[in-house]
Amino acid sequence: MSPRTGRPIKGNAKRDKRLEVRLTAEEYNDIQEVADNLKLSKADTIVKGIQLLKSEK
């Protein structure tokens, strides 16, 4: 049996930092809608949005 158990790490780096954000219902629903359309988690949707903003620089 494998000594490692639990959810596998996504990508190269371990996601061990947490961020709590207060949103309006509309903002939350927008994130959920985009996540559903892209078939991503809400966290992955937000990370992808940040990457898009960084690439516009």
PDB file of N, CA and C in Angstrom:
ATOM      1  N   MET A   1       0.843  -1.177   0.000  1.00  0.00           N
ATOM      2  CA  MET A   1       0.000   0.000   0.000  1.00  0.00           C
ATOM      3  C   MET A   1       0.893   1.247   0.000  1.00  0.00           C
ATOM      4  N   SER A   2       0.464   2.275  -0.690  1.00  0.00           N
ATOM      5  CA  SER A   2       1.232   3.517  -0.803  1.00  0.00           C
ATOM      6  C   SER A   2       1.269   4.257   0.533  1.00  0.00           C
ATOM      7  N   PRO A   3       2.438   4.795   0.912  1.00  0.00           N
ATOM      8  CA  PRO A   3       2.520   5.545   2.171  1.00  0.00           C
ATOM      9  C   PRO A   3       1.770   6.870   2.107  1.00  0.00           C
ATOM     10  N   ARG A   4       1.561   7.391   0.888  1.00  0.00           N
ATOM     11  CA  ARG A   4       0.856   8.671   0.733  1.00  0.00           C
ATOM     12  C   ARG A   4      -0.625   8.402   0.532  1.00  0.00           C
ATOM     13  N   THR A   5      -1.424   9.102   1.278  1.00  0.00           N
ATOM     14  CA  THR A   5      -2.867   8.990   1.100  1.00  0.00           C
ATOM     15  C   THR A   5      -3.439  10.389   0.978  1.00  0.00           C
ATOM     16  N   GLY A   6      -4.654  10.479   0.558  1.00  0.00           N
ATOM     17  CA  GLY A   6      -5.290  11.786   0.418  1.00  0.00           C
ATOM     18  C   GLY A   6      -5.299  12.249  -1.022  1.00  0.00           C
ATOM     19  N   ARG A   7      -5.749  13.452  -1.196  1.00  0.00           N
ATOM     20  CA  ARG A   7      -5.892  14.035  -2.527  1.00  0.00           C
ATOM     21  C   ARG A   7      -4.521  14.340  -3.121  1.00  0.00           C
ATOM     22  N   PRO A   8      -4.307  13.996  -4.394  1.00  0.00           N
ATOM     23  CA  PRO A   8      -3.019  14.297  -5.026  1.00  0.00           C
ATOM     24  C   PRO A   8      -2.827  15.796  -5.243  1.00  0.00           C
ATOM     25  N   ILE A   9      -1.575  16.226  -5.274  1.00  0.00           N
ATOM     26  CA  ILE A   9      -1.248  17.635  -5.494  1.00  0.00           C
ATOM     27  C   ILE A   9      -1.571  17.994  -6.931  1.00  0.00           C
ATOM     28  N   LYS A  10      -2.201  19.152  -7.122  1.00  0.00           N
ATOM     29  CA  LYS A  10      -2.558  19.616  -8.454  1.00  0.00           C
ATOM     30  C   LYS A  10      -1.427  20.497  -8.966  1.00  0.00           C
ATOM     31  N   GLY A  11      -0.853  20.133 -10.090  1.00  0.00           N
ATOM     32  CA  GLY A  11       0.244  20.921 -10.641  1.00  0.00           C
ATOM     33  C   GLY A  11       1.548  20.608  -9.947  1.00  0.00           C
ATOM     34  N   ASN A  12       2.481  21.552 -10.032  1.00  0.00           N
ATOM     35  CA  ASN A  12       3.817  21.343  -9.473  1.00  0.00           C
ATOM     36  C   ASN A  12       3.921  21.749  -8.013  1.00  0.00           C
ATOM     37  N   ALA A  13       3.127  22.709  -7.589  1.00  0.00           N
ATOM     38  CA  ALA A  13       3.264  23.249  -6.236  1.00  0.00           C
ATOM     39  C   ALA A  13       2.065  22.868  -5.373  1.00  0.00           C
ATOM     40  N   LYS A  14       2.342  22.642  -4.108  1.00  0.00           N
ATOM     41  CA  LYS A  14       1.291  22.345  -3.151  1.00  0.00           C
ATOM     42  C   LYS A  14       0.537  23.633  -2.837  1.00  0.00           C
ATOM     43  N   ARG A  15      -0.765  23.565  -2.864  1.00  0.00           N
ATOM     44  CA  ARG A  15      -1.589  24.729  -2.523  1.00  0.00           C
ATOM     45  C   ARG A  15      -1.864  24.692  -1.023  1.00  0.00           C
ATOM     46  N   ASP A  16      -1.048  25.412  -0.271  1.00  0.00           N
ATOM     47  CA  ASP A  16      -1.200  25.390   1.178  1.00  0.00           C
ATOM     48  C   ASP A  16      -1.573  26.753   1.756  1.00  0.00           C
ATOM     49  N   LYS A  17      -1.842  27.727   0.910  1.00  0.00           N
ATOM     50  CA  LYS A  17      -2.243  29.061   1.367  1.00  0.00           C
ATOM     51  C   LYS A  17      -3.741  29.220   1.164  1.00  0.00           C
ATOM     52  N   ARG A  18      -4.398  29.846   2.131  1.00  0.00           N
ATOM     53  CA  ARG A  18      -5.846  30.055   2.061  1.00  0.00           C
ATOM     54  C   ARG A  18      -6.133  31.543   1.999  1.00  0.00           C
ATOM     55  N   LEU A  19      -7.222  31.886   1.332  1.00  0.00           N
ATOM     56  CA  LEU A  19      -7.638  33.272   1.202  1.00  0.00           C
ATOM     57  C   LEU A  19      -9.150  33.318   1.336  1.00  0.00           C
ATOM     58  N   GLU A  20      -9.625  34.136   2.244  1.00  0.00           N
ATOM     59  CA  GLU A  20     -11.065  34.294   2.421  1.00  0.00           C
ATOM     60  C   GLU A  20     -11.467  35.635   1.834  1.00  0.00           C
ATOM     61  N   VAL A  21     -12.492  35.623   0.993  1.00  0.00           N
ATOM     62  CA  VAL A  21     -12.936  36.826   0.300  1.00  0.00           C
ATOM     63  C   VAL A  21     -14.432  36.986   0.514  1.00  0.00           C
ATOM     64  N   ARG A  22     -14.854  38.207   0.805  1.00  0.00           N
ATOM     65  CA  ARG A  22     -16.283  38.487   0.942  1.00  0.00           C
ATOM     66  C   ARG A  22     -16.803  38.975  -0.403  1.00  0.00           C
ATOM     67  N   LEU A  23     -17.868  38.351  -0.878  1.00  0.00           N
ATOM     68  CA  LEU A  23     -18.440  38.667  -2.178  1.00  0.00           C
ATOM     69  C   LEU A  23     -19.923  38.971  -2.046  1.00  0.00           C
ATOM     70  N   THR A  24     -20.434  39.730  -3.001  1.00  0.00           N
ATOM     71  CA  THR A  24     -21.881  39.894  -3.088  1.00  0.00           C
ATOM     72  C   THR A  24     -22.445  38.615  -3.698  1.00  0.00           C
ATOM     73  N   ALA A  25     -23.739  38.438  -3.591  1.00  0.00           N
ATOM     74  CA  ALA A  25     -24.380  37.267  -4.194  1.00  0.00           C
ATOM     75  C   ALA A  25     -24.154  37.266  -5.705  1.00  0.00           C
ATOM     76  N   GLU A  26     -24.199  38.438  -6.321  1.00  0.00           N
ATOM     77  CA  GLU A  26     -24.004  38.541  -7.768  1.00  0.00           C
ATOM     78  C   GLU A  26     -22.580  38.129  -8.160  1.00  0.00           C
ATOM     79  N   GLU A  27     -21.581  38.599  -7.404  1.00  0.00           N
ATOM     80  CA  GLU A  27     -20.189  38.237  -7.697  1.00  0.00           C
ATOM     81  C   GLU A  27     -19.980  36.730  -7.548  1.00  0.00           C
ATOM     82  N   TYR A  28     -20.540  36.167  -6.486  1.00  0.00           N
ATOM     83  CA  TYR A  28     -20.421  34.727  -6.250  1.00  0.00           C
ATOM     84  C   TYR A  28     -21.069  33.938  -7.385  1.00  0.00           C
ATOM     85  N   ASN A  29     -22.265  34.373  -7.785  1.00  0.00           N
ATOM     86  CA  ASN A  29     -22.976  33.684  -8.863  1.00  0.00           C
ATOM     87  C   ASN A  29     -22.226  33.792 -10.183  1.00  0.00           C
ATOM     88  N   ASP A  30     -21.582  34.940 -10.430  1.00  0.00           N
ATOM     89  CA  ASP A  30     -20.776  35.109 -11.644  1.00  0.00           C
ATOM     90  C   ASP A  30     -19.623  34.110 -11.665  1.00  0.00           C
ATOM     91  N   ILE A  31     -18.924  33.978 -10.541  1.00  0.00           N
ATOM     92  CA  ILE A  31     -17.808  33.029 -10.454  1.00  0.00           C
ATOM     93  C   ILE A  31     -18.317  31.604 -10.648  1.00  0.00           C
ATOM     94  N   GLN A  32     -19.429  31.278 -10.014  1.00  0.00           N
ATOM     95  CA  GLN A  32     -19.992  29.929 -10.135  1.00  0.00           C
ATOM     96  C   GLN A  32     -20.405  29.633 -11.572  1.00  0.00           C
ATOM     97  N   GLU A  33     -21.012  30.602 -12.239  1.00  0.00           N
ATOM     98  CA  GLU A  33     -21.448  30.423 -13.628  1.00  0.00           C
ATOM     99  C   GLU A  33     -20.255  30.174 -14.561  1.00  0.00           C
ATOM    100  N   VAL A  34     -19.210  30.992 -14.400  1.00  0.00           N
ATOM    101  CA  VAL A  34     -18.014  30.819 -15.232  1.00  0.00           C
ATOM    102  C   VAL A  34     -17.361  29.465 -14.938  1.00  0.00           C
ATOM    103  N   ALA A  35     -17.276  29.109 -13.668  1.00  0.00           N
ATOM    104  CA  ALA A  35     -16.676  27.824 -13.287  1.00  0.00           C
ATOM    105  C   ALA A  35     -17.457  26.663 -13.901  1.00  0.00           C
ATOM    106  N   ASP A  36     -18.770  26.743 -13.859  1.00  0.00           N
ATOM    107  CA  ASP A  36     -19.596  25.682 -14.443  1.00  0.00           C
ATOM    108  C   ASP A  36     -19.389  25.593 -15.951  1.00  0.00           C
ATOM    109  N   ASN A  37     -19.341  26.749 -16.619  1.00  0.00           N
ATOM    110  CA  ASN A  37     -19.161  26.772 -18.075  1.00  0.00           C
ATOM    111  C   ASN A  37     -17.811  26.201 -18.485  1.00  0.00           C
ATOM    112  N   LEU A  38     -16.771  26.479 -17.695  1.00  0.00           N
ATOM    113  CA  LEU A  38     -15.421  26.006 -18.007  1.00  0.00           C
ATOM    114  C   LEU A  38     -15.125  24.631 -17.413  1.00  0.00           C
ATOM    115  N   LYS A  39     -16.071  24.115 -16.625  1.00  0.00           N
ATOM    116  CA  LYS A  39     -15.895  22.840 -15.919  1.00  0.00           C
ATOM    117  C   LYS A  39     -14.651  22.869 -15.031  1.00  0.00           C
ATOM    118  N   LEU A  40     -14.516  23.972 -14.280  1.00  0.00           N
ATOM    119  CA  LEU A  40     -13.423  24.156 -13.329  1.00  0.00           C
ATOM    120  C   LEU A  40     -14.011  24.373 -11.943  1.00  0.00           C
ATOM    121  N   SER A  41     -13.172  24.225 -10.932  1.00  0.00           N
ATOM    122  CA  SER A  41     -13.592  24.599  -9.585  1.00  0.00           C
ATOM    123  C   SER A  41     -13.595  26.121  -9.487  1.00  0.00           C
ATOM    124  N   LYS A  42     -14.253  26.643  -8.465  1.00  0.00           N
ATOM    125  CA  LYS A  42     -14.250  28.100  -8.270  1.00  0.00           C
ATOM    126  C   LYS A  42     -12.830  28.600  -8.035  1.00  0.00           C
ATOM    127  N   ALA A  43     -12.037  27.852  -7.273  1.00  0.00           N
ATOM    128  CA  ALA A  43     -10.649  28.258  -7.008  1.00  0.00           C
ATOM    129  C   ALA A  43      -9.838  28.297  -8.295  1.00  0.00           C
ATOM    130  N   ASP A  44      -9.972  27.263  -9.131  1.00  0.00           N
ATOM    131  CA  ASP A  44      -9.229  27.234 -10.394  1.00  0.00           C
ATOM    132  C   ASP A  44      -9.691  28.343 -11.333  1.00  0.00           C
ATOM    133  N   THR A  45     -10.971  28.674 -11.285  1.00  0.00           N
ATOM    134  CA  THR A  45     -11.502  29.763 -12.108  1.00  0.00           C
ATOM    135  C   THR A  45     -10.883  31.093 -11.702  1.00  0.00           C
ATOM    136  N   ILE A  46     -10.779  31.332 -10.404  1.00  0.00           N
ATOM    137  CA  ILE A  46     -10.192  32.578  -9.909  1.00  0.00           C
ATOM    138  C   ILE A  46      -8.707  32.637 -10.260  1.00  0.00           C
ATOM    139  N   VAL A  47      -7.990  31.532 -10.091  1.00  0.00           N
ATOM    140  CA  VAL A  47      -6.561  31.494 -10.429  1.00  0.00           C
ATOM    141  C   VAL A  47      -6.367  31.765 -11.917  1.00  0.00           C
ATOM    142  N   LYS A  48      -7.211  31.160 -12.758  1.00  0.00           N
ATOM    143  CA  LYS A  48      -7.113  31.384 -14.206  1.00  0.00           C
ATOM    144  C   LYS A  48      -7.381  32.854 -14.533  1.00  0.00           C
ATOM    145  N   GLY A  49      -8.345  33.473 -13.851  1.00  0.00           N
ATOM    146  CA  GLY A  49      -8.625  34.895 -14.054  1.00  0.00           C
ATOM    147  C   GLY A  49      -7.436  35.762 -13.679  1.00  0.00           C
ATOM    148  N   ILE A  50      -6.767  35.432 -12.592  1.00  0.00           N
ATOM    149  CA  ILE A  50      -5.576  36.175 -12.173  1.00  0.00           C
ATOM    150  C   ILE A  50      -4.473  36.023 -13.215  1.00  0.00           C
ATOM    151  N   GLN A  51      -4.297  34.811 -13.729  1.00  0.00           N
ATOM    152  CA  GLN A  51      -3.277  34.579 -14.762  1.00  0.00           C
ATOM    153  C   GLN A  51      -3.581  35.393 -16.018  1.00  0.00           C
ATOM    154  N   LEU A  52      -4.855  35.481 -16.403  1.00  0.00           N
ATOM    155  CA  LEU A  52      -5.236  36.283 -17.566  1.00  0.00           C
ATOM    156  C   LEU A  52      -4.932  37.761 -17.340  1.00  0.00           C
ATOM    157  N   LEU A  53      -5.231  38.260 -16.146  1.00  0.00           N
ATOM    158  CA  LEU A  53      -4.944  39.661 -15.827  1.00  0.00           C
ATOM    159  C   LEU A  53      -3.444  39.930 -15.852  1.00  0.00           C
ATOM    160  N   LYS A  54      -2.652  39.001 -15.319  1.00  0.00           N
ATOM    161  CA  LYS A  54      -1.194  39.176 -15.326  1.00  0.00           C
ATOM    162  C   LYS A  54      -0.640  39.178 -16.742  1.00  0.00           C
ATOM    163  N   SER A  55      -1.210  38.379 -17.622  1.00  0.00           N
ATOM    164  CA  SER A  55      -0.702  38.291 -18.994  1.00  0.00           C
ATOM    165  C   SER A  55      -1.041  39.533 -19.816  1.00  0.00           C
ATOM    166  N   GLU A  56      -2.005  40.335 -19.375  1.00  0.00           N
ATOM    167  CA  GLU A  56      -2.380  41.562 -20.082  1.00  0.00           C
ATOM    168  C   GLU A  56      -1.377  42.682 -19.866  1.00  0.00           C
ATOM    169  N   LYS A  57      -0.527  42.554 -18.870  1.00  0.00           N
ATOM    170  CA  LYS A  57       0.441  43.611 -18.544  1.00  0.00           C
ATOM    171  C   LYS A  57       1.379  43.886 -19.665  1.00  0.00           C
TER     172      LYS A  57
END
